[in-house]
Amino acid sequence: MGKYILKRLVDLLPTIFVVAIIVFVITRLIPGDPAAVMLGPQASVEDIQELRDDLGLNEPLHTQFFQYIGDLVQGDFGVSLTYNQPVISLIMDRFPNTLILAISALVIALLIGIPAGIISASKQNSVMDYTVMVISLIGVSIPIFWLGVMLVLYFSVNLGWFPATGMGTMDEGFITYIKHLVLPSITLATIPMATFARITRSSMLEVISQDYIKTARAKGIKEFFVIGKHAFKNALTPILTVLGMQVSALLGGAVLTETIFSWPGMGRLIVDAIDKRDFVVVQGTVLFIAIIFVLVNLLIDVLYKIVNPRVNYSSGKGGTGK
């Protein structure tokens, strides 16, 4: 296991390098001049050129790229053009807020999506099954930005139950803090919730049709234990795969959700940086999310071994041992 984890960590380096190249190129394609945005519309051409020299924006692209990669190797994500702070400091200030929102959404998605998929599979072709699948299809298809706006309009503007924007603090009280978290969490959880329901149903149906499940039922084991202990445990592997993908999707989806609800997380930081043409912050936050993505996938591979001890890592590759 230890050798496998070490090998995977080494294998992740080329992936992160490729992501760094893509992010560097895309951020340089963002329309607008950061120096002109920082100085405002009244700035003279001379002032803009002077600021571009100070920021190193007039250097050839290949020089900027090698400087960027050299800084990354040293763990330096650069300094923000607009905040004049290290990008890693800005990320560390905002990442806990995004993590709180993402974990809350993931908990909601798991607590509702997986049981819904299990019930749907155990009652295949029933009204309950069709209902869960229709709702799941709607959940997967619904645009996050539209759902967020509708939730704010109904629950905040019309009913006044929850705050429309912002992130509460514990100083305001636990209830107030949770109220700020409810609407953005539900908005962000909708697509993962529907995805978990669909994948769980599909995985459970495949397992339920196996002979050992029929044998367990023939022995008179209660249906609750047949489904919960035998079937669900063996259906976990595809669910874990989706879990890894959804964790990364939650971080990406937070960009829209945090913008709608003015949540002070990394998503809001990216949007503000794009608006200010601060490509250093954009490339730093996107690369940070990419690193989280590959690390989460490594963690999921390790969880495979816990869920299914037959997975063999001795050859350096995930697989089922004979």
Protein backbone atom coordinates (compact mmCIF):
# COMPACT_ATOMS: atom_id res chain seq x y z
CA MET A 1 0.00 0.00 0.00
CA GLY A 2 2.77 2.43 0.96
CA LYS A 3 4.66 1.84 -2.29
CA TYR A 4 1.46 2.26 -4.28
CA ILE A 5 0.67 5.60 -2.62
CA LEU A 6 4.21 6.86 -3.20
CA LYS A 7 4.09 5.79 -6.86
CA ARG A 8 0.74 7.49 -7.35
CA LEU A 9 2.03 10.70 -5.81
CA VAL A 10 4.93 10.67 -8.26
CA ASP A 11 2.55 9.92 -11.14
CA LEU A 12 0.46 12.95 -10.18
CA LEU A 13 3.30 15.38 -10.91
CA PRO A 14 2.95 15.22 -14.75
CA THR A 15 -0.80 15.73 -14.39
CA ILE A 16 -0.32 18.83 -12.26
CA PHE A 17 2.32 20.10 -14.70
CA VAL A 18 -0.06 19.75 -17.66
CA VAL A 19 -2.81 21.52 -15.69
CA ALA A 20 -0.36 24.33 -14.88
CA ILE A 21 0.40 24.77 -18.60
CA ILE A 22 -3.29 24.82 -19.55
CA VAL A 23 -4.14 27.29 -16.78
CA PHE A 24 -1.24 29.56 -17.75
CA VAL A 25 -2.34 29.67 -21.39
CA ILE A 26 -6.05 30.17 -20.64
CA THR A 27 -5.45 32.99 -18.14
CA ARG A 28 -3.34 34.84 -20.70
CA LEU A 29 -6.30 34.66 -23.11
CA ILE A 30 -8.60 36.53 -20.72
CA PRO A 31 -9.55 39.79 -22.51
CA GLY A 32 -8.40 43.02 -20.93
CA ASP A 33 -5.23 44.51 -19.51
CA PRO A 34 -4.73 43.98 -15.75
CA ALA A 35 -2.70 47.19 -15.51
CA ALA A 36 -5.46 49.23 -17.20
CA VAL A 37 -8.10 47.69 -14.93
CA MET A 38 -6.04 48.44 -11.82
CA LEU A 39 -5.36 52.08 -12.77
CA GLY A 40 -8.87 52.83 -14.01
CA PRO A 41 -10.22 54.48 -17.16
CA GLN A 42 -8.50 57.82 -16.48
CA ALA A 43 -4.98 56.36 -16.56
CA SER A 44 -2.58 57.50 -19.23
CA VAL A 45 -0.84 55.15 -21.66
CA GLU A 46 2.50 55.95 -20.01
CA ASP A 47 1.20 55.02 -16.56
CA ILE A 48 -0.23 51.76 -17.88
CA GLN A 49 3.04 50.84 -19.57
CA GLU A 50 5.00 51.66 -16.43
CA LEU A 51 2.74 49.45 -14.31
CA ARG A 52 2.99 46.64 -16.87
CA ASP A 53 6.78 46.85 -16.58
CA ASP A 54 6.56 46.72 -12.78
CA LEU A 55 4.27 43.68 -12.90
CA GLY A 56 6.41 41.89 -15.50
CA LEU A 57 3.56 41.81 -18.02
CA ASN A 58 5.75 43.12 -20.84
CA GLU A 59 8.09 40.15 -20.56
CA PRO A 60 7.84 37.53 -23.36
CA LEU A 61 5.31 34.79 -22.63
CA HIS A 62 7.95 32.08 -22.46
CA THR A 63 9.86 34.09 -19.86
CA GLN A 64 6.68 34.55 -17.82
CA PHE A 65 5.94 30.83 -18.12
CA PHE A 66 9.35 29.65 -16.91
CA GLN A 67 9.18 32.13 -14.06
CA TYR A 68 5.71 30.78 -13.19
CA ILE A 69 6.86 27.15 -13.23
CA GLY A 70 10.00 27.98 -11.27
CA ASP A 71 7.91 29.64 -8.57
CA LEU A 72 5.52 26.67 -8.46
CA VAL A 73 8.37 24.24 -7.92
CA GLN A 74 9.26 26.27 -4.83
CA GLY A 75 5.66 26.24 -3.66
CA ASP A 76 5.12 29.89 -4.63
CA PHE A 77 1.74 30.55 -6.29
CA GLY A 78 2.68 34.15 -7.00
CA VAL A 79 1.52 37.50 -5.67
CA SER A 80 -1.91 38.91 -6.50
CA LEU A 81 -1.86 41.86 -8.87
CA THR A 82 -4.79 43.58 -7.16
CA TYR A 83 -4.62 42.44 -3.52
CA ASN A 84 -0.80 42.66 -3.40
CA GLN A 85 -0.77 39.55 -1.21
CA PRO A 86 0.62 36.05 -1.80
CA VAL A 87 -1.98 34.01 -3.66
CA ILE A 88 -1.56 31.08 -1.29
CA SER A 89 -2.55 33.38 1.60
CA LEU A 90 -5.71 34.44 -0.23
CA ILE A 91 -6.52 30.79 -0.95
CA MET A 92 -5.97 29.73 2.66
CA ASP A 93 -8.25 32.55 3.84
CA ARG A 94 -11.07 31.47 1.50
CA PHE A 95 -10.60 27.69 1.28
CA PRO A 96 -12.08 26.90 4.73
CA ASN A 97 -15.29 28.71 3.73
CA THR A 98 -15.52 26.75 0.48
CA LEU A 99 -14.74 23.53 2.35
CA ILE A 100 -17.57 24.18 4.83
CA LEU A 101 -20.01 24.73 1.97
CA ALA A 102 -18.75 21.71 -0.02
CA ILE A 103 -18.85 19.33 2.97
CA SER A 104 -22.35 20.51 3.92
CA ALA A 105 -23.55 19.93 0.37
CA LEU A 106 -21.82 16.52 0.23
CA VAL A 107 -23.45 15.41 3.49
CA ILE A 108 -26.89 16.41 2.18
CA ALA A 109 -26.23 14.63 -1.12
CA LEU A 110 -25.08 11.44 0.59
CA LEU A 111 -27.81 11.33 3.24
CA ILE A 112 -30.58 11.76 0.66
CA GLY A 113 -29.11 10.44 -2.60
CA ILE A 114 -27.78 7.06 -1.44
CA PRO A 115 -30.88 5.99 0.56
CA ALA A 116 -33.07 7.13 -2.34
CA GLY A 117 -31.04 4.96 -4.73
CA ILE A 118 -31.21 1.95 -2.39
CA ILE A 119 -34.98 2.27 -1.97
CA SER A 120 -35.42 2.73 -5.70
CA ALA A 121 -33.39 -0.41 -6.47
CA SER A 122 -35.12 -2.53 -3.82
CA LYS A 123 -38.51 -1.50 -5.23
CA GLN A 124 -37.62 -1.73 -8.91
CA ASN A 125 -40.37 -0.79 -11.39
CA SER A 126 -42.62 0.50 -8.61
CA VAL A 127 -44.12 3.97 -8.26
CA MET A 128 -41.37 4.79 -5.76
CA ASP A 129 -38.69 3.73 -8.25
CA TYR A 130 -40.14 5.86 -11.05
CA THR A 131 -40.58 8.83 -8.71
CA VAL A 132 -36.96 8.72 -7.53
CA MET A 133 -35.66 8.41 -11.08
CA VAL A 134 -37.77 11.31 -12.38
CA ILE A 135 -36.69 13.55 -9.52
CA SER A 136 -33.07 12.48 -10.07
CA LEU A 137 -33.30 13.32 -13.76
CA ILE A 138 -34.67 16.76 -12.92
CA GLY A 139 -31.95 17.26 -10.29
CA VAL A 140 -29.15 16.40 -12.71
CA SER A 141 -30.60 18.68 -15.41
CA ILE A 142 -31.44 21.73 -13.32
CA PRO A 143 -29.00 24.68 -13.72
CA ILE A 144 -27.37 25.64 -10.44
CA PHE A 145 -27.65 29.37 -11.04
CA TRP A 146 -31.39 29.14 -11.77
CA LEU A 147 -32.06 26.95 -8.73
CA GLY A 148 -30.10 29.29 -6.47
CA VAL A 149 -32.03 32.33 -7.65
CA MET A 150 -35.37 30.52 -7.24
CA LEU A 151 -34.50 29.42 -3.70
CA VAL A 152 -33.52 32.97 -2.77
CA LEU A 153 -36.70 34.37 -4.33
CA TYR A 154 -39.00 31.96 -2.52
CA PHE A 155 -37.37 31.22 0.85
CA SER A 156 -35.61 34.55 1.39
CA VAL A 157 -37.64 37.22 -0.39
CA ASN A 158 -41.16 35.76 -0.12
CA LEU A 159 -41.02 33.77 3.12
CA GLY A 160 -38.07 35.41 4.85
CA TRP A 161 -36.94 32.11 6.38
CA PHE A 162 -33.28 32.28 5.39
CA PRO A 163 -30.76 35.04 4.60
CA ALA A 164 -30.36 35.70 0.90
CA THR A 165 -26.61 36.32 0.89
CA GLY A 166 -23.51 36.25 3.00
CA MET A 167 -21.91 33.82 5.43
CA GLY A 168 -22.89 33.93 9.08
CA THR A 169 -20.45 33.71 11.96
CA MET A 170 -20.60 31.80 15.22
CA ASP A 171 -20.59 35.15 17.02
CA GLU A 172 -24.09 35.73 15.65
CA GLY A 173 -25.24 32.40 17.06
CA PHE A 174 -25.27 28.82 15.79
CA ILE A 175 -28.82 29.05 14.41
CA THR A 176 -27.99 32.16 12.39
CA TYR A 177 -24.84 30.51 11.09
CA ILE A 178 -26.80 27.44 9.93
CA LYS A 179 -29.49 29.60 8.32
CA HIS A 180 -26.85 31.24 6.11
CA LEU A 181 -25.61 27.78 5.13
CA VAL A 182 -28.94 26.13 4.23
CA LEU A 183 -29.78 27.62 0.82
CA PRO A 184 -26.27 27.53 -0.73
CA SER A 185 -25.76 23.97 0.56
CA ILE A 186 -29.02 22.75 -0.96
CA THR A 187 -28.23 24.51 -4.23
CA LEU A 188 -24.77 22.95 -4.44
CA ALA A 189 -26.01 19.52 -3.30
CA THR A 190 -28.77 19.11 -5.91
CA ILE A 191 -26.71 17.67 -8.78
CA PRO A 192 -24.53 15.37 -6.59
CA MET A 193 -27.65 14.18 -4.76
CA ALA A 194 -29.33 13.19 -8.01
CA THR A 195 -26.12 11.60 -9.28
CA PHE A 196 -25.68 9.50 -6.13
CA ALA A 197 -29.28 8.31 -6.37
CA ARG A 198 -28.88 7.19 -9.99
CA ILE A 199 -25.49 5.52 -9.50
CA THR A 200 -26.57 3.80 -6.27
CA ARG A 201 -29.69 2.43 -7.94
CA SER A 202 -27.72 1.13 -10.93
CA SER A 203 -25.01 -0.43 -8.76
CA MET A 204 -27.53 -1.98 -6.37
CA LEU A 205 -29.57 -3.52 -9.20
CA GLU A 206 -26.44 -5.19 -10.54
CA VAL A 207 -25.57 -6.63 -7.12
CA ILE A 208 -29.11 -7.65 -6.19
CA SER A 209 -29.28 -9.92 -9.25
CA GLN A 210 -26.23 -11.92 -8.09
CA ASP A 211 -26.62 -15.52 -6.88
CA TYR A 212 -25.29 -14.89 -3.37
CA ILE A 213 -28.07 -12.34 -2.76
CA LYS A 214 -30.66 -14.91 -3.84
CA THR A 215 -28.98 -17.43 -1.54
CA ALA A 216 -29.11 -15.01 1.40
CA ARG A 217 -32.81 -14.48 0.80
CA ALA A 218 -33.38 -18.22 0.50
CA LYS A 219 -31.76 -18.69 3.93
CA GLY A 220 -34.44 -16.47 5.41
CA ILE A 221 -32.23 -13.49 6.20
CA LYS A 222 -34.30 -10.38 6.68
CA GLU A 223 -34.50 -8.12 3.62
CA PHE A 224 -33.08 -5.18 5.59
CA PHE A 225 -29.85 -7.10 6.26
CA VAL A 226 -29.72 -8.53 2.73
CA ILE A 227 -29.86 -5.04 1.24
CA GLY A 228 -27.90 -3.14 3.90
CA LYS A 229 -25.17 -5.62 4.77
CA HIS A 230 -24.64 -7.83 1.72
CA ALA A 231 -25.83 -5.87 -1.32
CA PHE A 232 -24.83 -2.32 -0.39
CA LYS A 233 -21.32 -3.28 0.73
CA ASN A 234 -20.59 -4.87 -2.64
CA ALA A 235 -22.19 -1.95 -4.50
CA LEU A 236 -19.91 0.60 -2.85
CA THR A 237 -17.06 0.59 -5.39
CA PRO A 238 -18.90 2.51 -8.16
CA ILE A 239 -20.33 4.85 -5.52
CA LEU A 240 -16.82 5.62 -4.26
CA THR A 241 -15.73 6.43 -7.81
CA VAL A 242 -18.59 8.90 -8.15
CA LEU A 243 -17.83 10.28 -4.69
CA GLY A 244 -14.34 11.27 -5.78
CA MET A 245 -15.68 12.97 -8.89
CA GLN A 246 -18.41 14.78 -6.97
CA VAL A 247 -16.03 16.20 -4.36
CA SER A 248 -14.12 17.89 -7.17
CA ALA A 249 -17.36 18.92 -8.88
CA LEU A 250 -18.51 20.55 -5.65
CA LEU A 251 -15.39 22.70 -5.55
CA GLY A 252 -15.97 23.69 -9.17
CA GLY A 253 -19.70 24.23 -8.70
CA ALA A 254 -18.96 26.49 -5.75
CA VAL A 255 -17.97 29.21 -8.24
CA LEU A 256 -21.61 29.75 -9.27
CA THR A 257 -23.11 29.04 -5.86
CA GLU A 258 -20.77 31.38 -4.02
CA THR A 259 -21.42 34.12 -6.55
CA ILE A 260 -25.21 33.82 -6.19
CA PHE A 261 -25.14 33.84 -2.39
CA SER A 262 -22.11 36.15 -1.96
CA TRP A 263 -20.36 33.38 -0.07
CA PRO A 264 -16.74 34.41 0.70
CA GLY A 265 -15.02 31.32 -0.66
CA MET A 266 -12.61 30.38 -3.42
CA GLY A 267 -15.32 30.46 -6.07
CA ARG A 268 -16.09 34.08 -5.27
CA LEU A 269 -12.34 34.79 -5.23
CA ILE A 270 -12.00 33.39 -8.77
CA VAL A 271 -14.93 35.44 -10.08
CA ASP A 272 -13.58 38.64 -8.52
CA ALA A 273 -10.10 37.91 -9.90
CA ILE A 274 -11.48 37.39 -13.42
CA ASP A 275 -13.42 40.65 -13.14
CA LYS A 276 -10.21 42.47 -12.13
CA ARG A 277 -8.10 40.58 -14.71
CA ASP A 278 -5.93 39.25 -11.87
CA PHE A 279 -4.72 36.19 -13.75
CA VAL A 280 -2.21 35.31 -11.01
CA VAL A 281 -5.05 34.64 -8.57
CA VAL A 282 -7.07 32.79 -11.22
CA GLN A 283 -4.25 30.43 -12.17
CA GLY A 284 -3.33 29.87 -8.52
CA THR A 285 -6.84 28.99 -7.35
CA VAL A 286 -7.59 26.80 -10.36
CA LEU A 287 -4.30 24.93 -9.91
CA PHE A 288 -5.05 24.51 -6.20
CA ILE A 289 -8.45 22.98 -7.02
CA ALA A 290 -6.75 20.66 -9.53
CA ILE A 291 -4.32 19.50 -6.82
CA ILE A 292 -7.24 18.82 -4.49
CA PHE A 293 -8.92 16.85 -7.28
CA VAL A 294 -5.97 14.51 -7.86
CA LEU A 295 -5.41 14.02 -4.11
CA VAL A 296 -9.08 13.15 -3.60
CA ASN A 297 -8.84 10.57 -6.37
CA LEU A 298 -5.78 9.08 -4.68
CA LEU A 299 -7.75 8.89 -1.42
CA ILE A 300 -10.61 7.13 -3.23
CA ASP A 301 -8.17 4.52 -4.58
CA VAL A 302 -6.99 3.87 -1.02
CA LEU A 303 -10.60 3.54 0.14
CA TYR A 304 -11.10 0.84 -2.52
CA LYS A 305 -8.66 -1.32 -0.57
CA ILE A 306 -10.59 -0.76 2.65
CA VAL A 307 -13.95 -1.55 1.06
CA ASN A 308 -12.66 -4.43 -1.04
CA PRO A 309 -9.56 -6.14 0.47
CA ARG A 310 -9.18 -8.19 -2.74
CA VAL A 311 -7.79 -5.09 -4.49
CA ASN A 312 -4.11 -5.77 -5.05
CA TYR A 313 -1.55 -2.92 -5.05
CA SER A 314 1.57 -5.03 -4.99
CA SER A 315 2.18 -4.55 -8.70
CA GLY A 316 1.85 -0.78 -8.41
CA LYS A 317 -1.56 -0.81 -10.09
CA GLY A 318 -5.02 -1.08 -8.70
CA GLY A 319 -6.61 -4.42 -9.48
CA THR A 320 -8.26 -7.47 -8.02
CA GLY A 321 -5.89 -10.04 -6.65
CA LYS A 322 -6.36 -13.65 -7.52
